[in-house]
Amino acid sequence: MLKLNKSDNKGFTIIETMIVLAIAGLILLIVFLAVPALQRNARNTQRKNDAASILAGVSSFISNNNGNPPTSVGKAATNNDLLLCVDIASLCNTSPSGTTKNTESAKLGYYSMDPSQAGGAGVTLANSLSGLAWPDVAHIIILTGYSCPDTQGSLPTATNLSSRSAVALFSLESGGNNPNHQCQEQ
């Protein structure tokens, strides 16, 4: 005998399935919007940490070399560390005669001192603003003998000169197209 009145309620209706898929889609959309911002914030934090590490190395170099700032940067032979020194002979490690030079190192996490990597060396050492502009997010400029201005985003000026100071000029990624320019002092 065939029963026509019995309904079989096993499974989901199309409406229930569509609601579940819509909720899953919203969750995925939120995740895909949040992940790039989290990655950008992590890179910006590493840029700030690198600037602080480099400035600590510059400060130590100045203290250990009678107030003279480093004149060259190089790459450590065994890792990606930045070396600060007086000349660039043998990547700042030794002088041409083989005697050890006074050097200081700084640990790098975001910026690269390896020219074989994409973007090449990301750290530049300068003692003058002549011809300098804000670096892009892949580079950092260490400017010796200056201090940061009061206005954020402004380049240091000659009126801010200080004999034993150094600043790091770098840019952070922002959500839009314009980078956020930073000046950090030691």
C-alpha atoms as a PDB file:
ATOM      1  CA  MET A   1       0.000   0.000   0.000  1.00  0.00           C
ATOM      2  CA  LEU A   2       1.310   3.367  -0.943  1.00  0.00           C
ATOM      3  CA  LYS A   3       1.152   6.137   1.650  1.00  0.00           C
ATOM      4  CA  LEU A   4       0.853   9.565   0.106  1.00  0.00           C
ATOM      5  CA  ASN A   5       0.508  11.615   3.309  1.00  0.00           C
ATOM      6  CA  LYS A   6       3.836  10.698   4.850  1.00  0.00           C
ATOM      7  CA  SER A   7       6.487  13.390   4.366  1.00  0.00           C
ATOM      8  CA  ASP A   8      10.172  12.536   4.444  1.00  0.00           C
ATOM      9  CA  ASN A   9      12.035  15.348   6.343  1.00  0.00           C
ATOM     10  CA  LYS A  10      15.567  14.020   5.998  1.00  0.00           C
ATOM     11  CA  GLY A  11      18.024  16.700   4.742  1.00  0.00           C
ATOM     12  CA  PHE A  12      18.096  20.465   4.387  1.00  0.00           C
ATOM     13  CA  THR A  13      15.888  22.708   2.364  1.00  0.00           C
ATOM     14  CA  ILE A  14      17.383  24.957  -0.286  1.00  0.00           C
ATOM     15  CA  ILE A  15      16.670  28.011   1.901  1.00  0.00           C
ATOM     16  CA  GLU A  16      18.594  26.524   4.848  1.00  0.00           C
ATOM     17  CA  THR A  17      21.523  25.646   2.582  1.00  0.00           C
ATOM     18  CA  MET A  18      21.574  29.163   1.079  1.00  0.00           C
ATOM     19  CA  ILE A  19      21.609  30.762   4.552  1.00  0.00           C
ATOM     20  CA  VAL A  20      24.548  28.596   5.638  1.00  0.00           C
ATOM     21  CA  LEU A  21      26.458  29.435   2.442  1.00  0.00           C
ATOM     22  CA  ALA A  22      25.761  33.160   2.865  1.00  0.00           C
ATOM     23  CA  ILE A  23      27.068  33.105   6.450  1.00  0.00           C
ATOM     24  CA  ALA A  24      30.184  31.162   5.371  1.00  0.00           C
ATOM     25  CA  GLY A  25      30.726  33.684   2.565  1.00  0.00           C
ATOM     26  CA  LEU A  26      30.519  36.600   5.009  1.00  0.00           C
ATOM     27  CA  ILE A  27      33.041  34.950   7.326  1.00  0.00           C
ATOM     28  CA  LEU A  28      35.451  34.351   4.431  1.00  0.00           C
ATOM     29  CA  LEU A  29      35.029  37.946   3.250  1.00  0.00           C
ATOM     30  CA  ILE A  30      35.891  39.267   6.710  1.00  0.00           C
ATOM     31  CA  VAL A  31      38.969  37.007   6.888  1.00  0.00           C
ATOM     32  CA  PHE A  32      40.191  38.026   3.417  1.00  0.00           C
ATOM     33  CA  LEU A  33      39.804  41.697   4.317  1.00  0.00           C
ATOM     34  CA  ALA A  34      41.567  41.351   7.681  1.00  0.00           C
ATOM     35  CA  VAL A  35      44.568  39.219   6.666  1.00  0.00           C
ATOM     36  CA  PRO A  36      46.249  41.811   4.360  1.00  0.00           C
ATOM     37  CA  ALA A  37      45.891  44.486   7.050  1.00  0.00           C
ATOM     38  CA  LEU A  38      47.468  42.175   9.634  1.00  0.00           C
ATOM     39  CA  GLN A  39      50.347  41.373   7.277  1.00  0.00           C
ATOM     40  CA  ARG A  40      50.867  45.083   6.533  1.00  0.00           C
ATOM     41  CA  ASN A  41      50.937  45.863  10.270  1.00  0.00           C
ATOM     42  CA  ALA A  42      53.500  43.094  10.848  1.00  0.00           C
ATOM     43  CA  ARG A  43      55.763  44.477   8.090  1.00  0.00           C
ATOM     44  CA  ASN A  44      55.423  48.006   9.499  1.00  0.00           C
ATOM     45  CA  THR A  45      56.301  46.789  12.991  1.00  0.00           C
ATOM     46  CA  GLN A  46      59.403  45.043  11.594  1.00  0.00           C
ATOM     47  CA  ARG A  47      60.404  48.255   9.759  1.00  0.00           C
ATOM     48  CA  LYS A  48      60.168  50.207  13.033  1.00  0.00           C
ATOM     49  CA  ASN A  49      62.182  47.534  14.871  1.00  0.00           C
ATOM     50  CA  ASP A  50      64.865  47.572  12.154  1.00  0.00           C
ATOM     51  CA  ALA A  51      65.112  51.374  12.382  1.00  0.00           C
ATOM     52  CA  ALA A  52      65.536  51.171  16.162  1.00  0.00           C
ATOM     53  CA  SER A  53      68.173  48.436  15.827  1.00  0.00           C
ATOM     54  CA  ILE A  54      70.134  50.385  13.218  1.00  0.00           C
ATOM     55  CA  LEU A  55      69.969  53.591  15.265  1.00  0.00           C
ATOM     56  CA  ALA A  56      71.204  51.701  18.344  1.00  0.00           C
ATOM     57  CA  GLY A  57      74.154  50.455  16.275  1.00  0.00           C
ATOM     58  CA  VAL A  58      74.877  53.988  15.028  1.00  0.00           C
ATOM     59  CA  SER A  59      74.728  55.339  18.583  1.00  0.00           C
ATOM     60  CA  SER A  60      77.078  52.627  19.800  1.00  0.00           C
ATOM     61  CA  PHE A  61      79.445  53.262  16.874  1.00  0.00           C
ATOM     62  CA  ILE A  62      79.527  57.011  17.619  1.00  0.00           C
ATOM     63  CA  SER A  63      80.211  56.346  21.305  1.00  0.00           C
ATOM     64  CA  ASN A  64      83.008  53.881  20.539  1.00  0.00           C
ATOM     65  CA  ASN A  65      84.675  56.064  17.899  1.00  0.00           C
ATOM     66  CA  ASN A  66      85.138  59.391  19.704  1.00  0.00           C
ATOM     67  CA  GLY A  67      81.944  60.942  18.339  1.00  0.00           C
ATOM     68  CA  ASN A  68      82.678  60.078  14.700  1.00  0.00           C
ATOM     69  CA  PRO A  69      79.697  58.652  12.811  1.00  0.00           C
ATOM     70  CA  PRO A  70      80.000  55.634  10.509  1.00  0.00           C
ATOM     71  CA  THR A  71      80.693  56.444   6.877  1.00  0.00           C
ATOM     72  CA  SER A  72      79.754  53.123   5.258  1.00  0.00           C
ATOM     73  CA  VAL A  73      77.338  50.267   5.591  1.00  0.00           C
ATOM     74  CA  GLY A  74      77.938  46.698   4.543  1.00  0.00           C
ATOM     75  CA  LYS A  75      76.575  43.204   4.904  1.00  0.00           C
ATOM     76  CA  ALA A  76      77.915  40.799   7.480  1.00  0.00           C
ATOM     77  CA  ALA A  77      79.687  37.829   5.909  1.00  0.00           C
ATOM     78  CA  THR A  78      77.674  35.173   7.737  1.00  0.00           C
ATOM     79  CA  ASN A  79      74.134  36.602   7.925  1.00  0.00           C
ATOM     80  CA  ASN A  80      71.914  39.482   6.838  1.00  0.00           C
ATOM     81  CA  ASP A  81      73.116  41.804   9.621  1.00  0.00           C
ATOM     82  CA  LEU A  82      74.029  45.376   8.769  1.00  0.00           C
ATOM     83  CA  LEU A  83      77.601  46.449   9.500  1.00  0.00           C
ATOM     84  CA  LEU A  84      78.427  50.082  10.228  1.00  0.00           C
ATOM     85  CA  CYS A  85      82.048  51.082   9.741  1.00  0.00           C
ATOM     86  CA  VAL A  86      84.492  53.788   8.684  1.00  0.00           C
ATOM     87  CA  ASP A  87      85.196  52.467   5.186  1.00  0.00           C
ATOM     88  CA  ILE A  88      83.732  49.873   2.873  1.00  0.00           C
ATOM     89  CA  ALA A  89      86.887  47.750   2.412  1.00  0.00           C
ATOM     90  CA  SER A  90      85.971  44.054   2.537  1.00  0.00           C
ATOM     91  CA  LEU A  91      82.341  44.877   3.348  1.00  0.00           C
ATOM     92  CA  CYS A  92      83.337  46.927   6.389  1.00  0.00           C
ATOM     93  CA  ASN A  93      85.040  43.965   8.070  1.00  0.00           C
ATOM     94  CA  THR A  94      88.726  44.751   7.614  1.00  0.00           C
ATOM     95  CA  SER A  95      90.935  47.487   6.273  1.00  0.00           C
ATOM     96  CA  PRO A  96      92.987  46.861   3.091  1.00  0.00           C
ATOM     97  CA  SER A  97      95.972  45.863   5.216  1.00  0.00           C
ATOM     98  CA  GLY A  98      93.897  43.223   7.017  1.00  0.00           C
ATOM     99  CA  THR A  99      93.635  44.937  10.403  1.00  0.00           C
ATOM    100  CA  THR A 100      90.248  44.840  12.056  1.00  0.00           C
ATOM    101  CA  LYS A 101      88.209  48.026  11.826  1.00  0.00           C
ATOM    102  CA  ASN A 102      85.842  49.370  14.459  1.00  0.00           C
ATOM    103  CA  THR A 103      82.442  48.113  13.402  1.00  0.00           C
ATOM    104  CA  GLU A 104      78.991  47.800  14.888  1.00  0.00           C
ATOM    105  CA  SER A 105      76.278  45.518  13.659  1.00  0.00           C
ATOM    106  CA  ALA A 106      72.509  45.823  13.584  1.00  0.00           C
ATOM    107  CA  LYS A 107      70.071  42.955  13.185  1.00  0.00           C
ATOM    108  CA  LEU A 108      67.746  43.341  10.207  1.00  0.00           C
ATOM    109  CA  GLY A 109      64.399  41.657   9.826  1.00  0.00           C
ATOM    110  CA  TYR A 110      62.598  43.481   7.020  1.00  0.00           C
ATOM    111  CA  TYR A 111      65.283  45.399   5.167  1.00  0.00           C
ATOM    112  CA  SER A 112      67.885  43.521   3.181  1.00  0.00           C
ATOM    113  CA  MET A 113      71.633  44.073   2.937  1.00  0.00           C
ATOM    114  CA  ASP A 114      71.950  41.336   0.323  1.00  0.00           C
ATOM    115  CA  PRO A 115      72.159  42.824  -3.192  1.00  0.00           C
ATOM    116  CA  SER A 116      71.181  39.447  -4.685  1.00  0.00           C
ATOM    117  CA  GLN A 117      67.733  39.686  -3.089  1.00  0.00           C
ATOM    118  CA  ALA A 118      64.914  41.526  -4.824  1.00  0.00           C
ATOM    119  CA  GLY A 119      65.301  45.258  -4.239  1.00  0.00           C
ATOM    120  CA  GLY A 120      68.974  44.957  -3.298  1.00  0.00           C
ATOM    121  CA  ALA A 121      70.421  46.812  -0.340  1.00  0.00           C
ATOM    122  CA  GLY A 122      67.618  48.558   1.523  1.00  0.00           C
ATOM    123  CA  VAL A 123      69.770  50.675   3.859  1.00  0.00           C
ATOM    124  CA  THR A 124      71.489  53.920   2.862  1.00  0.00           C
ATOM    125  CA  LEU A 125      73.791  55.969   5.084  1.00  0.00           C
ATOM    126  CA  ALA A 126      73.977  59.731   4.493  1.00  0.00           C
ATOM    127  CA  ASN A 127      75.326  62.809   6.259  1.00  0.00           C
ATOM    128  CA  SER A 128      73.448  65.393   4.208  1.00  0.00           C
ATOM    129  CA  LEU A 129      69.925  65.915   2.925  1.00  0.00           C
ATOM    130  CA  SER A 130      71.306  67.028  -0.427  1.00  0.00           C
ATOM    131  CA  GLY A 131      69.424  65.127  -3.106  1.00  0.00           C
ATOM    132  CA  LEU A 132      67.486  63.005  -0.602  1.00  0.00           C
ATOM    133  CA  ALA A 133      63.751  62.466  -0.619  1.00  0.00           C
ATOM    134  CA  TRP A 134      61.547  60.174   1.442  1.00  0.00           C
ATOM    135  CA  PRO A 135      62.455  56.557   0.719  1.00  0.00           C
ATOM    136  CA  ASP A 136      59.873  54.068  -0.484  1.00  0.00           C
ATOM    137  CA  VAL A 137      58.682  51.302   1.843  1.00  0.00           C
ATOM    138  CA  ALA A 138      61.526  48.983   0.764  1.00  0.00           C
ATOM    139  CA  HIS A 139      64.346  51.349   1.814  1.00  0.00           C
ATOM    140  CA  ILE A 140      65.567  53.193   4.882  1.00  0.00           C
ATOM    141  CA  ILE A 141      67.916  56.183   5.063  1.00  0.00           C
ATOM    142  CA  ILE A 142      70.137  56.708   8.099  1.00  0.00           C
ATOM    143  CA  LEU A 143      71.019  60.395   8.322  1.00  0.00           C
ATOM    144  CA  THR A 144      73.839  61.269  10.745  1.00  0.00           C
ATOM    145  CA  GLY A 145      74.138  64.654  12.378  1.00  0.00           C
ATOM    146  CA  TYR A 146      70.422  65.489  12.271  1.00  0.00           C
ATOM    147  CA  SER A 147      67.412  65.209  14.525  1.00  0.00           C
ATOM    148  CA  CYS A 148      63.765  64.729  13.638  1.00  0.00           C
ATOM    149  CA  PRO A 149      61.574  67.798  13.125  1.00  0.00           C
ATOM    150  CA  ASP A 150      58.499  68.444  15.257  1.00  0.00           C
ATOM    151  CA  THR A 151      56.146  68.033  12.291  1.00  0.00           C
ATOM    152  CA  GLN A 152      55.561  64.397  11.358  1.00  0.00           C
ATOM    153  CA  GLY A 153      56.258  63.706   7.702  1.00  0.00           C
ATOM    154  CA  SER A 154      58.687  66.620   7.326  1.00  0.00           C
ATOM    155  CA  LEU A 155      62.302  66.013   6.387  1.00  0.00           C
ATOM    156  CA  PRO A 156      64.913  67.102   8.936  1.00  0.00           C
ATOM    157  CA  THR A 157      66.374  70.532   8.246  1.00  0.00           C
ATOM    158  CA  ALA A 158      69.813  72.044   8.748  1.00  0.00           C
ATOM    159  CA  THR A 159      68.513  73.917  11.788  1.00  0.00           C
ATOM    160  CA  ASN A 160      68.092  70.555  13.511  1.00  0.00           C
ATOM    161  CA  LEU A 161      71.793  69.638  13.343  1.00  0.00           C
ATOM    162  CA  SER A 162      73.243  67.811  16.317  1.00  0.00           C
ATOM    163  CA  SER A 163      76.826  66.541  16.395  1.00  0.00           C
ATOM    164  CA  ARG A 164      76.171  63.085  17.889  1.00  0.00           C
ATOM    165  CA  SER A 165      72.695  62.279  16.645  1.00  0.00           C
ATOM    166  CA  ALA A 166      71.240  60.204  13.857  1.00  0.00           C
ATOM    167  CA  VAL A 167      67.773  59.681  12.449  1.00  0.00           C
ATOM    168  CA  ALA A 168      66.157  56.943  10.408  1.00  0.00           C
ATOM    169  CA  LEU A 169      63.931  58.055   7.550  1.00  0.00           C
ATOM    170  CA  PHE A 170      61.567  55.362   6.324  1.00  0.00           C
ATOM    171  CA  SER A 171      58.037  54.907   5.074  1.00  0.00           C
ATOM    172  CA  LEU A 172      55.305  52.647   6.365  1.00  0.00           C
ATOM    173  CA  GLU A 173      52.611  51.033   4.282  1.00  0.00           C
ATOM    174  CA  SER A 174      49.156  52.490   4.668  1.00  0.00           C
ATOM    175  CA  GLY A 175      45.781  51.220   3.579  1.00  0.00           C
ATOM    176  CA  GLY A 176      45.760  53.658   0.656  1.00  0.00           C
ATOM    177  CA  ASN A 177      48.283  54.630  -1.990  1.00  0.00           C
ATOM    178  CA  ASN A 178      50.204  57.204   0.080  1.00  0.00           C
ATOM    179  CA  PRO A 179      52.924  55.840   2.382  1.00  0.00           C
ATOM    180  CA  ASN A 180      53.199  57.101   5.945  1.00  0.00           C
ATOM    181  CA  HIS A 181      56.603  58.837   6.263  1.00  0.00           C
ATOM    182  CA  GLN A 182      58.439  58.321   9.564  1.00  0.00           C
ATOM    183  CA  CYS A 183      61.451  59.958  11.177  1.00  0.00           C
ATOM    184  CA  GLN A 184      62.833  58.046  14.181  1.00  0.00           C
ATOM    185  CA  GLU A 185      65.656  59.324  16.410  1.00  0.00           C
ATOM    186  CA  GLN A 186      68.147  57.287  18.383  1.00  0.00           C
END
